Each structure stands twice: as C-alpha cells, then as structure tokens.
C-alpha cells in the first residue's frame, strides 16, 4: 500500500510537468506460486498490476512507469555456503539507467 500512496502523492505533479519516472523494484516471485510465501507472492503480483495500470494510465503524458526484477543479488552468506546462484542474475546499474 505504501507504493500506491507514494504514487498518489507524486503522480499529479509528474503529469502536470509532462515528465517523470516511476520505478518499482520487485521480484519474479509475483509470477509463480511459492509454497509458504503466499502473502509475499500476492503483494508482488499486485505491484506488477499496479505498475501495468499506471503505465497504461500515463501513456502520452510524459510519465514512464517500470517494474524491475533484478533477480538474485550477491549475498555474502550464500557465497560462503557455496551457493553458485547468488550472483547469477545481477542487473547492472548501467542497464537500469538506460531504461530510464
């Protein structure tokens, strides 16, 4: 809900100025069922739907709305345990900057 309230606060000014970017950082968990994490998965799915609706509603207004799912990020604890997937899907800052 916090993201919806934040968007409600900033979006009118972005539309008035004809420019703005809203970037929601999420996870791929919103696309599939994950046992024992249903509340988390539902919240991520809702964030994707919010992003899609905002993008559709601001089309032509100069406001761009994105959802990024960076994937697994480096984690020292996982790395120490020998997890080979902890660095698998990093999203470089340069890639994010190009999207905006």
PDB file of N, CA and C in Angstrom:
ATOM      1  N   UNK A   1       0.817  -1.204   0.000  1.00  0.00           N
ATOM      2  CA  UNK A   1       0.000   0.000   0.000  1.00  0.00           C
ATOM      3  C   UNK A   1       0.855   1.259   0.000  1.00  0.00           C
ATOM      4  N   UNK A   2       2.036   1.183   0.600  1.00  0.00           N
ATOM      5  CA  UNK A   2       2.886   2.375   0.671  1.00  0.00           C
ATOM      6  C   UNK A   2       3.222   2.896  -0.722  1.00  0.00           C
ATOM      7  N   UNK A   3       3.486   1.987  -1.657  1.00  0.00           N
ATOM      8  CA  UNK A   3       3.824   2.434  -3.007  1.00  0.00           C
ATOM      9  C   UNK A   3       2.641   3.112  -3.680  1.00  0.00           C
ATOM     10  N   UNK A   4       1.458   2.599  -3.449  1.00  0.00           N
ATOM     11  CA  UNK A   4       0.260   3.221  -4.020  1.00  0.00           C
ATOM     12  C   UNK A   4       0.058   4.619  -3.442  1.00  0.00           C
ATOM     13  N   UNK A   5       0.276   4.779  -2.149  1.00  0.00           N
ATOM     14  CA  UNK A   5       0.142   6.099  -1.530  1.00  0.00           C
ATOM     15  C   UNK A   5       1.216   7.056  -2.049  1.00  0.00           C
ATOM     16  N   UNK A   6       2.424   6.572  -2.223  1.00  0.00           N
ATOM     17  CA  UNK A   6       3.507   7.407  -2.741  1.00  0.00           C
ATOM     18  C   UNK A   6       3.204   7.852  -4.166  1.00  0.00           C
ATOM     19  N   UNK A   7       2.749   6.930  -4.996  1.00  0.00           N
ATOM     20  CA  UNK A   7       2.396   7.276  -6.370  1.00  0.00           C
ATOM     21  C   UNK A   7       1.273   8.304  -6.386  1.00  0.00           C
ATOM     22  N   UNK A   8       0.299   8.119  -5.535  1.00  0.00           N
ATOM     23  CA  UNK A   8      -0.819   9.073  -5.468  1.00  0.00           C
ATOM     24  C   UNK A   8      -0.325  10.469  -5.101  1.00  0.00           C
ATOM     25  N   UNK A   9       0.737  10.537  -4.312  1.00  0.00           N
ATOM     26  CA  UNK A   9       1.263  11.833  -3.894  1.00  0.00           C
ATOM     27  C   UNK A   9       2.092  12.507  -4.996  1.00  0.00           C
ATOM     28  N   UNK A  10       2.860  11.737  -5.770  1.00  0.00           N
ATOM     29  CA  UNK A  10       3.785  12.349  -6.730  1.00  0.00           C
ATOM     30  C   UNK A  10       3.284  12.374  -8.164  1.00  0.00           C
ATOM     31  N   UNK A  11       2.396  11.485  -8.524  1.00  0.00           N
ATOM     32  CA  UNK A  11       1.973  11.373  -9.923  1.00  0.00           C
ATOM     33  C   UNK A  11       1.309  12.643 -10.471  1.00  0.00           C
ATOM     34  N   UNK A  12       0.429  13.308  -9.743  1.00  0.00           N
ATOM     35  CA  UNK A  12      -0.181  14.521 -10.312  1.00  0.00           C
ATOM     36  C   UNK A  12       0.853  15.571 -10.730  1.00  0.00           C
ATOM     37  N   UNK A  13       1.891  15.755  -9.932  1.00  0.00           N
ATOM     38  CA  UNK A  13       2.941  16.714 -10.288  1.00  0.00           C
ATOM     39  C   UNK A  13       3.725  16.284 -11.513  1.00  0.00           C
ATOM     40  N   UNK A  14       3.968  14.988 -11.637  1.00  0.00           N
ATOM     41  CA  UNK A  14       4.670  14.475 -12.814  1.00  0.00           C
ATOM     42  C   UNK A  14       3.844  14.697 -14.070  1.00  0.00           C
ATOM     43  N   UNK A  15       2.554  14.421 -13.985  1.00  0.00           N
ATOM     44  CA  UNK A  15       1.671  14.603 -15.142  1.00  0.00           C
ATOM     45  C   UNK A  15       1.603  16.083 -15.517  1.00  0.00           C
ATOM     46  N   UNK A  16       1.486  16.971 -14.520  1.00  0.00           N
ATOM     47  CA  UNK A  16       1.448  18.417 -14.796  1.00  0.00           C
ATOM     48  C   UNK A  16       2.724  18.883 -15.492  1.00  0.00           C
ATOM     49  N   UNK A  17       3.866  18.363 -15.051  1.00  0.00           N
ATOM     50  CA  UNK A  17       5.136  18.797 -15.643  1.00  0.00           C
ATOM     51  C   UNK A  17       5.417  18.106 -16.976  1.00  0.00           C
ATOM     52  N   UNK A  18       4.697  17.049 -17.270  1.00  0.00           N
ATOM     53  CA  UNK A  18       4.889  16.322 -18.516  1.00  0.00           C
ATOM     54  C   UNK A  18       6.127  15.447 -18.535  1.00  0.00           C
ATOM     55  N   UNK A  19       6.650  15.134 -17.333  1.00  0.00           N
ATOM     56  CA  UNK A  19       7.858  14.320 -17.260  1.00  0.00           C
ATOM     57  C   UNK A  19       7.926  13.621 -15.906  1.00  0.00           C
ATOM     58  N   UNK A  20       8.383  12.399 -15.920  1.00  0.00           N
ATOM     59  CA  UNK A  20       8.597  11.689 -14.670  1.00  0.00           C
ATOM     60  C   UNK A  20       8.861  10.224 -14.907  1.00  0.00           C
ATOM     61  N   UNK A  21       9.486   9.597 -13.936  1.00  0.00           N
ATOM     62  CA  UNK A  21       9.773   8.172 -13.986  1.00  0.00           C
ATOM     63  C   UNK A  21       9.401   7.554 -12.646  1.00  0.00           C
ATOM     64  N   UNK A  22       8.674   6.461 -12.698  1.00  0.00           N
ATOM     65  CA  UNK A  22       8.360   5.685 -11.505  1.00  0.00           C
ATOM     66  C   UNK A  22       8.956   4.301 -11.736  1.00  0.00           C
ATOM     67  N   UNK A  23       9.836   3.883 -10.849  1.00  0.00           N
ATOM     68  CA  UNK A  23      10.494   2.587 -10.987  1.00  0.00           C
ATOM     69  C   UNK A  23      10.174   1.764  -9.746  1.00  0.00           C
ATOM     70  N   UNK A  24       9.427   0.713  -9.932  1.00  0.00           N
ATOM     71  CA  UNK A  24       9.110  -0.215  -8.845  1.00  0.00           C
ATOM     72  C   UNK A  24      10.075  -1.396  -8.917  1.00  0.00           C
ATOM     73  N   UNK A  25      10.753  -1.659  -7.829  1.00  0.00           N
ATOM     74  CA  UNK A  25      11.667  -2.802  -7.772  1.00  0.00           C
ATOM     75  C   UNK A  25      10.921  -3.949  -7.121  1.00  0.00           C
ATOM     76  N   UNK A  26      10.869  -5.053  -7.814  1.00  0.00           N
ATOM     77  CA  UNK A  26      10.096  -6.193  -7.343  1.00  0.00           C
ATOM     78  C   UNK A  26      10.921  -7.465  -7.461  1.00  0.00           C
ATOM     79  N   UNK A  27      10.225  -8.565  -7.631  1.00  0.00           N
ATOM     80  CA  UNK A  27      10.871  -9.868  -7.742  1.00  0.00           C
ATOM     81  C   UNK A  27      10.044 -10.741  -8.667  1.00  0.00           C
ATOM     82  N   UNK A  28      10.663 -11.740  -9.222  1.00  0.00           N
ATOM     83  CA  UNK A  28       9.931 -12.652 -10.100  1.00  0.00           C
ATOM     84  C   UNK A  28       8.955 -13.530  -9.324  1.00  0.00           C
ATOM     85  N   UNK A  29       8.971 -13.443  -7.997  1.00  0.00           N
ATOM     86  CA  UNK A  29       8.033 -14.230  -7.188  1.00  0.00           C
ATOM     87  C   UNK A  29       6.580 -13.856  -7.483  1.00  0.00           C
ATOM     88  N   UNK A  30       6.356 -12.711  -8.085  1.00  0.00           N
ATOM     89  CA  UNK A  30       4.993 -12.305  -8.422  1.00  0.00           C
ATOM     90  C   UNK A  30       4.417 -13.039  -9.612  1.00  0.00           C
ATOM     91  N   UNK A  31       5.222 -13.871 -10.257  1.00  0.00           N
ATOM     92  CA  UNK A  31       4.774 -14.577 -11.445  1.00  0.00           C
ATOM     93  C   UNK A  31       4.476 -16.046 -11.226  1.00  0.00           C
ATOM     94  N   UNK A  32       4.751 -16.580 -10.045  1.00  0.00           N
ATOM     95  CA  UNK A  32       4.563 -18.011  -9.821  1.00  0.00           C
ATOM     96  C   UNK A  32       4.202 -18.284  -8.366  1.00  0.00           C
ATOM     97  N   UNK A  33       3.613 -19.421  -8.134  1.00  0.00           N
ATOM     98  CA  UNK A  33       3.278 -19.822  -6.768  1.00  0.00           C
ATOM     99  C   UNK A  33       4.554 -20.248  -6.045  1.00  0.00           C
ATOM    100  N   UNK A  34       4.686 -19.790  -4.807  1.00  0.00           N
ATOM    101  CA  UNK A  34       5.833 -20.162  -3.972  1.00  0.00           C
ATOM    102  C   UNK A  34       5.267 -20.684  -2.654  1.00  0.00           C
ATOM    103  N   UNK A  35       5.449 -21.951  -2.387  1.00  0.00           N
ATOM    104  CA  UNK A  35       4.878 -22.532  -1.162  1.00  0.00           C
ATOM    105  C   UNK A  35       5.308 -21.767   0.095  1.00  0.00           C
ATOM    106  N   UNK A  36       4.382 -21.569   0.983  1.00  0.00           N
ATOM    107  CA  UNK A  36       4.604 -20.949   2.283  1.00  0.00           C
ATOM    108  C   UNK A  36       4.881 -19.445   2.207  1.00  0.00           C
ATOM    109  N   UNK A  37       4.760 -18.851   1.039  1.00  0.00           N
ATOM    110  CA  UNK A  37       5.010 -17.415   0.890  1.00  0.00           C
ATOM    111  C   UNK A  37       3.865 -16.723   0.158  1.00  0.00           C
ATOM    112  N   UNK A  38       2.654 -17.187   0.361  1.00  0.00           N
ATOM    113  CA  UNK A  38       1.540 -16.669  -0.433  1.00  0.00           C
ATOM    114  C   UNK A  38       1.319 -15.169  -0.266  1.00  0.00           C
ATOM    115  N   UNK A  39       1.435 -14.631   0.932  1.00  0.00           N
ATOM    116  CA  UNK A  39       1.231 -13.185   1.125  1.00  0.00           C
ATOM    117  C   UNK A  39       2.294 -12.389   0.368  1.00  0.00           C
ATOM    118  N   UNK A  40       3.515 -12.850   0.415  1.00  0.00           N
ATOM    119  CA  UNK A  40       4.612 -12.189  -0.293  1.00  0.00           C
ATOM    120  C   UNK A  40       4.372 -12.221  -1.799  1.00  0.00           C
ATOM    121  N   UNK A  41       4.007 -13.386  -2.318  1.00  0.00           N
ATOM    122  CA  UNK A  41       3.778 -13.543  -3.754  1.00  0.00           C
ATOM    123  C   UNK A  41       2.616 -12.666  -4.214  1.00  0.00           C
ATOM    124  N   UNK A  42       1.555 -12.640  -3.446  1.00  0.00           N
ATOM    125  CA  UNK A  42       0.395 -11.821  -3.808  1.00  0.00           C
ATOM    126  C   UNK A  42       0.771 -10.336  -3.812  1.00  0.00           C
ATOM    127  N   UNK A  43       1.582  -9.903  -2.858  1.00  0.00           N
ATOM    128  CA  UNK A  43       1.967  -8.494  -2.815  1.00  0.00           C
ATOM    129  C   UNK A  43       2.815  -8.131  -4.035  1.00  0.00           C
ATOM    130  N   UNK A  44       3.672  -9.030  -4.483  1.00  0.00           N
ATOM    131  CA  UNK A  44       4.495  -8.757  -5.664  1.00  0.00           C
ATOM    132  C   UNK A  44       3.648  -8.769  -6.930  1.00  0.00           C
ATOM    133  N   UNK A  45       2.699  -9.675  -7.017  1.00  0.00           N
ATOM    134  CA  UNK A  45       1.793  -9.694  -8.163  1.00  0.00           C
ATOM    135  C   UNK A  45       0.982  -8.395  -8.220  1.00  0.00           C
ATOM    136  N   UNK A  46       0.545  -7.913  -7.076  1.00  0.00           N
ATOM    137  CA  UNK A  46      -0.205  -6.659  -7.028  1.00  0.00           C
ATOM    138  C   UNK A  46       0.664  -5.490  -7.486  1.00  0.00           C
ATOM    139  N   UNK A  47       1.929  -5.512  -7.129  1.00  0.00           N
ATOM    140  CA  UNK A  47       2.837  -4.445  -7.561  1.00  0.00           C
ATOM    141  C   UNK A  47       2.984  -4.438  -9.081  1.00  0.00           C
ATOM    142  N   UNK A  48       3.062  -5.609  -9.683  1.00  0.00           N
ATOM    143  CA  UNK A  48       3.134  -5.670 -11.141  1.00  0.00           C
ATOM    144  C   UNK A  48       1.846  -5.135 -11.778  1.00  0.00           C
ATOM    145  N   UNK A  49       0.703  -5.498 -11.237  1.00  0.00           N
ATOM    146  CA  UNK A  49      -0.560  -4.999 -11.786  1.00  0.00           C
ATOM    147  C   UNK A  49      -0.670  -3.488 -11.606  1.00  0.00           C
ATOM    148  N   UNK A  50      -0.241  -2.969 -10.456  1.00  0.00           N
ATOM    149  CA  UNK A  50      -0.233  -1.522 -10.230  1.00  0.00           C
ATOM    150  C   UNK A  50       0.646  -0.845 -11.279  1.00  0.00           C
ATOM    151  N   UNK A  51       1.822  -1.402 -11.504  1.00  0.00           N
ATOM    152  CA  UNK A  51       2.752  -0.833 -12.477  1.00  0.00           C
ATOM    153  C   UNK A  51       2.139  -0.828 -13.873  1.00  0.00           C
ATOM    154  N   UNK A  52       1.539  -1.950 -14.278  1.00  0.00           N
ATOM    155  CA  UNK A  52       0.908  -2.030 -15.606  1.00  0.00           C
ATOM    156  C   UNK A  52      -0.200  -1.002 -15.765  1.00  0.00           C
ATOM    157  N   UNK A  53      -1.029  -0.864 -14.751  1.00  0.00           N
ATOM    158  CA  UNK A  53      -2.135   0.086 -14.817  1.00  0.00           C
ATOM    159  C   UNK A  53      -1.653   1.526 -14.823  1.00  0.00           C
ATOM    160  N   UNK A  54      -0.629   1.825 -14.036  1.00  0.00           N
ATOM    161  CA  UNK A  54      -0.067   3.177 -14.051  1.00  0.00           C
ATOM    162  C   UNK A  54       0.549   3.496 -15.402  1.00  0.00           C
ATOM    163  N   UNK A  55       1.263   2.529 -15.973  1.00  0.00           N
ATOM    164  CA  UNK A  55       1.878   2.738 -17.288  1.00  0.00           C
ATOM    165  C   UNK A  55       0.810   3.011 -18.340  1.00  0.00           C
ATOM    166  N   UNK A  56      -0.268   2.250 -18.311  1.00  0.00           N
ATOM    167  CA  UNK A  56      -1.360   2.447 -19.270  1.00  0.00           C
ATOM    168  C   UNK A  56      -2.053   3.784 -19.049  1.00  0.00           C
ATOM    169  N   UNK A  57      -2.231   4.149 -17.795  1.00  0.00           N
ATOM    170  CA  UNK A  57      -2.939   5.384 -17.478  1.00  0.00           C
ATOM    171  C   UNK A  57      -2.148   6.646 -17.734  1.00  0.00           C
ATOM    172  N   UNK A  58      -0.834   6.539 -17.796  1.00  0.00           N
ATOM    173  CA  UNK A  58       0.000   7.727 -18.020  1.00  0.00           C
ATOM    174  C   UNK A  58       0.570   7.778 -19.421  1.00  0.00           C
ATOM    175  N   UNK A  59       0.213   6.826 -20.246  1.00  0.00           N
ATOM    176  CA  UNK A  59       0.702   6.808 -21.630  1.00  0.00           C
ATOM    177  C   UNK A  59       0.344   8.130 -22.306  1.00  0.00           C
ATOM    178  N   UNK A  60       1.324   8.753 -22.924  1.00  0.00           N
ATOM    179  CA  UNK A  60       1.082  10.017 -23.612  1.00  0.00           C
ATOM    180  C   UNK A  60       1.233  11.235 -22.718  1.00  0.00           C
ATOM    181  N   UNK A  61       1.523  11.040 -21.447  1.00  0.00           N
ATOM    182  CA  UNK A  61       1.652  12.158 -20.502  1.00  0.00           C
ATOM    183  C   UNK A  61       3.100  12.518 -20.197  1.00  0.00           C
ATOM    184  N   UNK A  62       4.052  11.768 -20.769  1.00  0.00           N
ATOM    185  CA  UNK A  62       5.453  12.023 -20.478  1.00  0.00           C
ATOM    186  C   UNK A  62       5.960  11.319 -19.234  1.00  0.00           C
ATOM    187  N   UNK A  63       5.113  10.514 -18.621  1.00  0.00           N
ATOM    188  CA  UNK A  63       5.500   9.767 -17.420  1.00  0.00           C
ATOM    189  C   UNK A  63       5.692   8.312 -17.820  1.00  0.00           C
ATOM    190  N   UNK A  64       6.823   7.745 -17.449  1.00  0.00           N
ATOM    191  CA  UNK A  64       7.119   6.346 -17.735  1.00  0.00           C
ATOM    192  C   UNK A  64       7.097   5.567 -16.427  1.00  0.00           C
ATOM    193  N   UNK A  65       6.509   4.386 -16.460  1.00  0.00           N
ATOM    194  CA  UNK A  65       6.397   3.553 -15.260  1.00  0.00           C
ATOM    195  C   UNK A  65       6.975   2.181 -15.575  1.00  0.00           C
ATOM    196  N   UNK A  66       7.904   1.731 -14.721  1.00  0.00           N
ATOM    197  CA  UNK A  66       8.595   0.463 -14.927  1.00  0.00           C
ATOM    198  C   UNK A  66       8.524  -0.393 -13.677  1.00  0.00           C
ATOM    199  N   UNK A  67       8.642  -1.690 -13.859  1.00  0.00           N
ATOM    200  CA  UNK A  67       8.878  -2.621 -12.752  1.00  0.00           C
ATOM    201  C   UNK A  67      10.138  -3.406 -13.105  1.00  0.00           C
ATOM    202  N   UNK A  68      11.085  -3.423 -12.206  1.00  0.00           N
ATOM    203  CA  UNK A  68      12.328  -4.151 -12.413  1.00  0.00           C
ATOM    204  C   UNK A  68      12.391  -5.328 -11.457  1.00  0.00           C
ATOM    205  N   UNK A  69      12.837  -6.447 -11.969  1.00  0.00           N
ATOM    206  CA  UNK A  69      13.064  -7.638 -11.154  1.00  0.00           C
ATOM    207  C   UNK A  69      14.529  -8.018 -11.310  1.00  0.00           C
ATOM    208  N   UNK A  70      15.377  -7.530 -10.433  1.00  0.00           N
ATOM    209  CA  UNK A  70      16.810  -7.744 -10.626  1.00  0.00           C
ATOM    210  C   UNK A  70      17.282  -9.173 -10.440  1.00  0.00           C
ATOM    211  N   UNK A  71      16.484 -10.046  -9.891  1.00  0.00           N
ATOM    212  CA  UNK A  71      16.909 -11.424  -9.686  1.00  0.00           C
ATOM    213  C   UNK A  71      17.757 -11.556  -8.438  1.00  0.00           C
ATOM    214  N   UNK A  72      18.473 -12.651  -8.366  1.00  0.00           N
ATOM    215  CA  UNK A  72      19.300 -12.904  -7.192  1.00  0.00           C
ATOM    216  C   UNK A  72      20.475 -11.946  -7.167  1.00  0.00           C
ATOM    217  N   UNK A  73      20.721 -11.386  -6.007  1.00  0.00           N
ATOM    218  CA  UNK A  73      21.818 -10.450  -5.839  1.00  0.00           C
ATOM    219  C   UNK A  73      22.914 -11.098  -5.011  1.00  0.00           C
ATOM    220  N   UNK A  74      24.135 -10.597  -5.134  1.00  0.00           N
ATOM    221  CA  UNK A  74      25.228 -11.165  -4.347  1.00  0.00           C
ATOM    222  C   UNK A  74      24.904 -11.123  -2.855  1.00  0.00           C
ATOM    223  N   UNK A  75      25.194 -12.168  -2.193  1.00  0.00           N
ATOM    224  CA  UNK A  75      24.913 -12.284  -0.763  1.00  0.00           C
ATOM    225  C   UNK A  75      26.096 -13.016  -0.127  1.00  0.00           C
ATOM    226  N   UNK A  76      26.790 -12.357   0.770  1.00  0.00           N
ATOM    227  CA  UNK A  76      27.996 -12.934   1.371  1.00  0.00           C
ATOM    228  C   UNK A  76      27.710 -14.265   2.066  1.00  0.00           C
ATOM    229  N   UNK A  77      26.599 -14.372   2.768  1.00  0.00           N
ATOM    230  CA  UNK A  77      26.291 -15.615   3.476  1.00  0.00           C
ATOM    231  C   UNK A  77      26.076 -16.759   2.507  1.00  0.00           C
ATOM    232  N   UNK A  78      25.324 -16.527   1.437  1.00  0.00           N
ATOM    233  CA  UNK A  78      25.107 -17.580   0.449  1.00  0.00           C
ATOM    234  C   UNK A  78      26.414 -17.960  -0.226  1.00  0.00           C
ATOM    235  N   UNK A  79      27.229 -16.960  -0.510  1.00  0.00           N
ATOM    236  CA  UNK A  79      28.503 -17.226  -1.168  1.00  0.00           C
ATOM    237  C   UNK A  79      29.408 -18.091  -0.290  1.00  0.00           C
ATOM    238  N   UNK A  80      29.425 -17.800   1.003  1.00  0.00           N
ATOM    239  CA  UNK A  80      30.243 -18.584   1.934  1.00  0.00           C
ATOM    240  C   UNK A  80      29.766 -20.031   2.018  1.00  0.00           C
ATOM    241  N   UNK A  81      28.455 -20.259   1.830  1.00  0.00           N
ATOM    242  CA  UNK A  81      27.923 -21.625   1.872  1.00  0.00           C
ATOM    243  C   UNK A  81      28.093 -22.346   0.550  1.00  0.00           C
ATOM    244  N   UNK A  82      28.665 -21.668  -0.435  1.00  0.00           N
ATOM    245  CA  UNK A  82      28.910 -22.311  -1.721  1.00  0.00           C
ATOM    246  C   UNK A  82      27.760 -22.218  -2.704  1.00  0.00           C
ATOM    247  N   UNK A  83      26.846 -21.298  -2.476  1.00  0.00           N
ATOM    248  CA  UNK A  83      25.718 -21.126  -3.397  1.00  0.00           C
ATOM    249  C   UNK A  83      26.225 -20.566  -4.720  1.00  0.00           C
ATOM    250  N   UNK A  84      26.014 -21.305  -5.785  1.00  0.00           N
ATOM    251  CA  UNK A  84      26.512 -20.866  -7.081  1.00  0.00           C
ATOM    252  C   UNK A  84      25.538 -19.946  -7.807  1.00  0.00           C
ATOM    253  N   UNK A  85      24.318 -19.791  -7.290  1.00  0.00           N
ATOM    254  CA  UNK A  85      23.344 -18.951  -7.980  1.00  0.00           C
ATOM    255  C   UNK A  85      23.246 -17.552  -7.396  1.00  0.00           C
ATOM    256  N   UNK A  86      24.010 -17.254  -6.330  1.00  0.00           N
ATOM    257  CA  UNK A  86      23.832 -15.970  -5.654  1.00  0.00           C
ATOM    258  C   UNK A  86      24.182 -14.783  -6.541  1.00  0.00           C
ATOM    259  N   UNK A  87      25.001 -14.962  -7.542  1.00  0.00           N
ATOM    260  CA  UNK A  87      25.385 -13.856  -8.416  1.00  0.00           C
ATOM    261  C   UNK A  87      24.860 -14.050  -9.834  1.00  0.00           C
ATOM    262  N   UNK A  88      23.965 -14.982 -10.017  1.00  0.00           N
ATOM    263  CA  UNK A  88      23.524 -15.401 -11.347  1.00  0.00           C
ATOM    264  C   UNK A  88      22.872 -14.280 -12.154  1.00  0.00           C
ATOM    265  N   UNK A  89      22.040 -13.490 -11.550  1.00  0.00           N
ATOM    266  CA  UNK A  89      21.212 -12.581 -12.340  1.00  0.00           C
ATOM    267  C   UNK A  89      21.312 -11.143 -11.863  1.00  0.00           C
ATOM    268  N   UNK A  90      22.501 -10.619 -11.782  1.00  0.00           N
ATOM    269  CA  UNK A  90      22.651  -9.230 -11.359  1.00  0.00           C
ATOM    270  C   UNK A  90      22.206  -8.294 -12.464  1.00  0.00           C
ATOM    271  N   UNK A  91      21.588  -7.214 -12.069  1.00  0.00           N
ATOM    272  CA  UNK A  91      21.158  -6.202 -13.014  1.00  0.00           C
ATOM    273  C   UNK A  91      22.064  -4.997 -12.825  1.00  0.00           C
ATOM    274  N   UNK A  92      22.884  -4.718 -13.815  1.00  0.00           N
ATOM    275  CA  UNK A  92      23.874  -3.653 -13.701  1.00  0.00           C
ATOM    276  C   UNK A  92      23.191  -2.292 -13.642  1.00  0.00           C
ATOM    277  N   UNK A  93      23.799  -1.390 -12.896  1.00  0.00           N
ATOM    278  CA  UNK A  93      23.276  -0.034 -12.764  1.00  0.00           C
ATOM    279  C   UNK A  93      23.174   0.643 -14.131  1.00  0.00           C
ATOM    280  N   UNK A  94      24.094   0.335 -15.033  1.00  0.00           N
ATOM    281  CA  UNK A  94      24.074   0.919 -16.358  1.00  0.00           C
ATOM    282  C   UNK A  94      22.824   0.496 -17.135  1.00  0.00           C
ATOM    283  N   UNK A  95      22.396  -0.752 -16.940  1.00  0.00           N
ATOM    284  CA  UNK A  95      21.188  -1.243 -17.605  1.00  0.00           C
ATOM    285  C   UNK A  95      19.963  -0.503 -17.096  1.00  0.00           C
ATOM    286  N   UNK A  96      19.890  -0.325 -15.793  1.00  0.00           N
ATOM    287  CA  UNK A  96      18.769   0.412 -15.202  1.00  0.00           C
ATOM    288  C   UNK A  96      18.746   1.834 -15.723  1.00  0.00           C
ATOM    289  N   UNK A  97      19.897   2.478 -15.788  1.00  0.00           N
ATOM    290  CA  UNK A  97      19.968   3.855 -16.268  1.00  0.00           C
ATOM    291  C   UNK A  97      19.490   3.972 -17.709  1.00  0.00           C
ATOM    292  N   UNK A  98      19.810   2.990 -18.546  1.00  0.00           N
ATOM    293  CA  UNK A  98      19.361   3.016 -19.941  1.00  0.00           C
ATOM    294  C   UNK A  98      17.843   2.894 -20.049  1.00  0.00           C
ATOM    295  N   UNK A  99      17.234   2.181 -19.131  1.00  0.00           N
ATOM    296  CA  UNK A  99      15.780   2.010 -19.169  1.00  0.00           C
ATOM    297  C   UNK A  99      15.051   3.305 -18.879  1.00  0.00           C
ATOM    298  N   UNK A 100      15.692   4.176 -18.149  1.00  0.00           N
ATOM    299  CA  UNK A 100      15.037   5.404 -17.742  1.00  0.00           C
ATOM    300  C   UNK A 100      15.341   6.508 -18.699  1.00  0.00           C
TER     301      UNK A 100
END
